[in-house]
């Protein structure tokens, strides 16, 4: 069994915090997931909807949202 690489990741646009799980795939094997076989499909931040980095073709990546960005005082209206 292959060991996943787990790291912290912050969205460069909004600062939402994610855990990024990367798993090296054996060459020639295209795993099927719940989204179908198209693993080159873009992934987007769940907060700001900007694209997240895909990485290279040797890895499968999954982002797990762990913290939404904090609101600034001027966004809340308490200036």
N, C-alpha and C. Protein backbone atom coordinates (compact mmCIF):
# COMPACT_ATOMS: atom_id res chain seq x y z
N UNK A 1 0.84 -1.19 0.00
CA UNK A 1 0.00 0.00 0.00
C UNK A 1 0.88 1.24 0.00
N UNK A 2 0.45 2.25 -0.70
CA UNK A 2 1.21 3.48 -0.80
C UNK A 2 0.84 4.44 0.33
N UNK A 3 1.85 5.11 0.90
CA UNK A 3 1.62 6.05 1.99
C UNK A 3 1.28 7.42 1.43
N UNK A 4 0.19 8.03 1.93
CA UNK A 4 -0.15 9.38 1.48
C UNK A 4 0.77 10.43 2.09
N UNK A 5 0.94 11.53 1.38
CA UNK A 5 1.66 12.69 1.90
C UNK A 5 0.61 13.70 2.34
N UNK A 6 0.62 14.07 3.62
CA UNK A 6 -0.37 15.00 4.15
C UNK A 6 0.35 16.29 4.55
N UNK A 7 -0.18 17.42 4.09
CA UNK A 7 0.44 18.71 4.42
C UNK A 7 -0.63 19.77 4.61
N UNK A 8 -0.25 20.86 5.25
CA UNK A 8 -1.14 22.02 5.40
C UNK A 8 -1.05 22.84 4.13
N UNK A 9 -2.16 23.47 3.78
CA UNK A 9 -2.21 24.30 2.58
C UNK A 9 -3.17 25.45 2.85
N UNK A 10 -2.82 26.65 2.43
CA UNK A 10 -3.70 27.81 2.54
C UNK A 10 -3.98 28.34 1.13
N UNK A 11 -5.24 28.62 0.87
CA UNK A 11 -5.62 29.18 -0.43
C UNK A 11 -4.90 30.51 -0.61
N UNK A 12 -4.19 30.70 -1.72
CA UNK A 12 -3.46 31.95 -1.92
C UNK A 12 -4.38 33.16 -2.11
N UNK A 13 -5.64 32.96 -2.46
CA UNK A 13 -6.56 34.07 -2.69
C UNK A 13 -7.25 34.53 -1.40
N UNK A 14 -7.84 33.60 -0.65
CA UNK A 14 -8.66 33.99 0.50
C UNK A 14 -8.09 33.56 1.85
N UNK A 15 -7.11 32.67 1.85
CA UNK A 15 -6.51 32.22 3.10
C UNK A 15 -7.21 31.06 3.78
N UNK A 16 -8.21 30.47 3.14
CA UNK A 16 -8.86 29.30 3.73
C UNK A 16 -7.82 28.20 3.95
N UNK A 17 -7.93 27.50 5.07
CA UNK A 17 -6.93 26.48 5.41
C UNK A 17 -7.45 25.09 5.05
N UNK A 18 -6.57 24.33 4.42
CA UNK A 18 -6.89 22.97 3.97
C UNK A 18 -5.83 22.00 4.46
N UNK A 19 -6.19 20.74 4.54
CA UNK A 19 -5.24 19.64 4.61
C UNK A 19 -5.17 19.11 3.19
N UNK A 20 -3.97 18.99 2.65
CA UNK A 20 -3.82 18.45 1.30
C UNK A 20 -3.26 17.05 1.42
N UNK A 21 -3.96 16.11 0.83
CA UNK A 21 -3.55 14.71 0.84
C UNK A 21 -3.11 14.37 -0.58
N UNK A 22 -1.87 13.92 -0.71
CA UNK A 22 -1.33 13.53 -2.02
C UNK A 22 -0.93 12.07 -1.96
N UNK A 23 -1.28 11.34 -2.99
CA UNK A 23 -0.97 9.92 -3.06
C UNK A 23 -0.31 9.65 -4.40
N UNK A 24 0.86 9.06 -4.36
CA UNK A 24 1.56 8.71 -5.61
C UNK A 24 0.83 7.53 -6.25
N UNK A 25 0.58 7.65 -7.54
CA UNK A 25 -0.09 6.58 -8.26
C UNK A 25 0.92 5.73 -9.01
N UNK A 26 0.74 4.43 -9.00
CA UNK A 26 1.61 3.58 -9.82
C UNK A 26 1.44 3.95 -11.29
N UNK A 27 2.50 3.90 -12.05
CA UNK A 27 2.42 4.30 -13.46
C UNK A 27 1.44 3.42 -14.22
N UNK A 28 0.67 4.08 -15.07
CA UNK A 28 -0.28 3.36 -15.92
C UNK A 28 -1.62 3.08 -15.27
N UNK A 29 -1.79 3.41 -14.00
CA UNK A 29 -3.06 3.14 -13.33
C UNK A 29 -3.80 4.46 -13.16
N UNK A 30 -5.01 4.54 -13.69
CA UNK A 30 -5.84 5.71 -13.53
C UNK A 30 -6.99 5.34 -12.59
N UNK A 31 -6.91 5.75 -11.33
CA UNK A 31 -7.97 5.38 -10.40
C UNK A 31 -9.29 6.06 -10.74
N UNK A 32 -10.37 5.41 -10.39
CA UNK A 32 -11.71 5.95 -10.58
C UNK A 32 -12.19 6.45 -9.24
N UNK A 33 -12.71 7.67 -9.21
CA UNK A 33 -13.22 8.23 -7.96
C UNK A 33 -14.69 8.58 -8.14
N UNK A 34 -15.29 9.17 -7.11
CA UNK A 34 -16.71 9.49 -7.17
C UNK A 34 -17.03 10.56 -8.21
N UNK A 35 -16.01 11.26 -8.72
CA UNK A 35 -16.23 12.29 -9.73
C UNK A 35 -15.97 11.77 -11.14
N UNK A 36 -15.71 10.49 -11.29
CA UNK A 36 -15.43 9.92 -12.60
C UNK A 36 -13.95 9.73 -12.82
N UNK A 37 -13.58 9.40 -14.03
CA UNK A 37 -12.19 9.09 -14.34
C UNK A 37 -11.37 10.30 -14.72
N UNK A 38 -11.98 11.46 -14.86
CA UNK A 38 -11.27 12.66 -15.31
C UNK A 38 -10.53 13.29 -14.13
N UNK A 39 -9.31 12.83 -13.88
CA UNK A 39 -8.56 13.35 -12.73
C UNK A 39 -7.85 14.66 -13.06
N UNK A 40 -7.92 15.13 -14.31
CA UNK A 40 -7.31 16.39 -14.68
C UNK A 40 -8.29 17.56 -14.53
N UNK A 41 -9.49 17.29 -14.05
CA UNK A 41 -10.48 18.34 -13.84
C UNK A 41 -9.97 19.31 -12.77
N UNK A 42 -10.25 20.59 -12.97
CA UNK A 42 -9.80 21.61 -12.02
C UNK A 42 -10.52 21.46 -10.69
N UNK A 43 -9.80 21.77 -9.60
CA UNK A 43 -10.40 21.80 -8.26
C UNK A 43 -10.44 23.25 -7.83
N UNK A 44 -11.47 23.62 -7.08
CA UNK A 44 -11.67 25.00 -6.69
C UNK A 44 -11.79 25.13 -5.19
N UNK A 45 -11.36 26.29 -4.67
CA UNK A 45 -11.50 26.61 -3.25
C UNK A 45 -12.99 26.65 -2.91
N UNK A 46 -13.37 26.05 -1.81
CA UNK A 46 -14.77 26.02 -1.40
C UNK A 46 -15.25 27.36 -0.87
N UNK A 47 -14.34 28.29 -0.58
CA UNK A 47 -14.71 29.59 -0.04
C UNK A 47 -14.78 30.65 -1.14
N UNK A 48 -13.70 30.80 -1.92
CA UNK A 48 -13.64 31.88 -2.92
C UNK A 48 -13.81 31.38 -4.36
N UNK A 49 -13.86 30.08 -4.56
CA UNK A 49 -14.06 29.46 -5.88
C UNK A 49 -12.92 29.71 -6.86
N UNK A 50 -11.74 30.06 -6.37
CA UNK A 50 -10.56 30.19 -7.23
C UNK A 50 -9.93 28.80 -7.40
N UNK A 51 -9.27 28.53 -8.54
CA UNK A 51 -8.67 27.21 -8.74
C UNK A 51 -7.54 26.92 -7.75
N UNK A 52 -7.47 25.67 -7.32
CA UNK A 52 -6.39 25.20 -6.46
C UNK A 52 -5.36 24.47 -7.31
N UNK A 53 -4.10 24.46 -6.89
CA UNK A 53 -3.06 23.79 -7.68
C UNK A 53 -3.33 22.30 -7.81
N UNK A 54 -3.08 21.76 -9.00
CA UNK A 54 -3.33 20.35 -9.27
C UNK A 54 -2.12 19.48 -8.99
N UNK A 55 -0.92 20.00 -9.14
CA UNK A 55 0.27 19.17 -8.98
C UNK A 55 0.61 18.47 -10.29
N UNK A 56 1.43 17.43 -10.19
CA UNK A 56 1.83 16.73 -11.41
C UNK A 56 1.02 15.46 -11.59
N UNK A 57 1.19 14.80 -12.72
CA UNK A 57 0.41 13.63 -13.06
C UNK A 57 0.74 12.39 -12.26
N UNK A 58 1.84 12.39 -11.50
CA UNK A 58 2.21 11.21 -10.72
C UNK A 58 1.47 11.14 -9.39
N UNK A 59 0.75 12.21 -9.02
CA UNK A 59 0.06 12.26 -7.75
C UNK A 59 -1.42 12.54 -7.93
N UNK A 60 -2.22 11.96 -7.07
CA UNK A 60 -3.61 12.35 -6.91
C UNK A 60 -3.67 13.28 -5.72
N UNK A 61 -4.43 14.36 -5.80
CA UNK A 61 -4.52 15.31 -4.69
C UNK A 61 -5.97 15.46 -4.26
N UNK A 62 -6.15 15.66 -2.95
CA UNK A 62 -7.46 15.96 -2.40
C UNK A 62 -7.28 17.03 -1.34
N UNK A 63 -8.15 18.04 -1.35
CA UNK A 63 -8.10 19.12 -0.38
C UNK A 63 -9.27 18.99 0.58
N UNK A 64 -8.98 19.05 1.88
CA UNK A 64 -10.01 18.96 2.91
C UNK A 64 -10.05 20.29 3.67
N UNK A 65 -11.15 21.03 3.56
CA UNK A 65 -11.27 22.32 4.22
C UNK A 65 -11.31 22.13 5.73
N UNK A 66 -10.40 22.81 6.44
CA UNK A 66 -10.38 22.68 7.89
C UNK A 66 -10.70 23.99 8.60
N UNK A 67 -10.55 25.15 7.90
CA UNK A 67 -10.87 26.43 8.54
C UNK A 67 -11.14 27.48 7.48
N UNK A 68 -12.27 28.15 7.62
CA UNK A 68 -12.58 29.27 6.74
C UNK A 68 -11.80 30.50 7.19
N UNK A 69 -11.51 31.45 6.28
CA UNK A 69 -10.75 32.63 6.69
C UNK A 69 -11.55 33.50 7.65
N UNK A 70 -10.82 34.20 8.51
CA UNK A 70 -11.45 35.11 9.46
C UNK A 70 -11.93 36.35 8.72
N UNK A 71 -13.07 36.89 9.12
CA UNK A 71 -13.57 38.12 8.52
C UNK A 71 -12.84 39.31 9.13
N UNK A 72 -12.58 40.28 8.28
CA UNK A 72 -11.95 41.52 8.76
C UNK A 72 -13.04 42.46 9.28
N UNK A 73 -12.67 43.38 10.16
CA UNK A 73 -13.63 44.28 10.79
C UNK A 73 -14.40 45.11 9.76
N UNK A 74 -13.71 45.55 8.69
CA UNK A 74 -14.39 46.37 7.69
C UNK A 74 -15.39 45.56 6.87
N UNK A 75 -15.19 44.24 6.75
CA UNK A 75 -16.16 43.41 6.04
C UNK A 75 -17.42 43.21 6.87
N UNK A 76 -17.29 43.14 8.18
CA UNK A 76 -18.41 42.92 9.06
C UNK A 76 -19.23 44.20 9.24
N UNK A 77 -18.59 45.35 9.06
CA UNK A 77 -19.30 46.63 9.18
C UNK A 77 -19.10 47.27 10.54
N UNK A 78 -18.07 46.85 11.28
CA UNK A 78 -17.81 47.44 12.60
C UNK A 78 -16.53 48.25 12.52
N UNK A 79 -16.53 49.26 11.69
CA UNK A 79 -15.32 50.08 11.52
C UNK A 79 -15.32 51.24 12.50
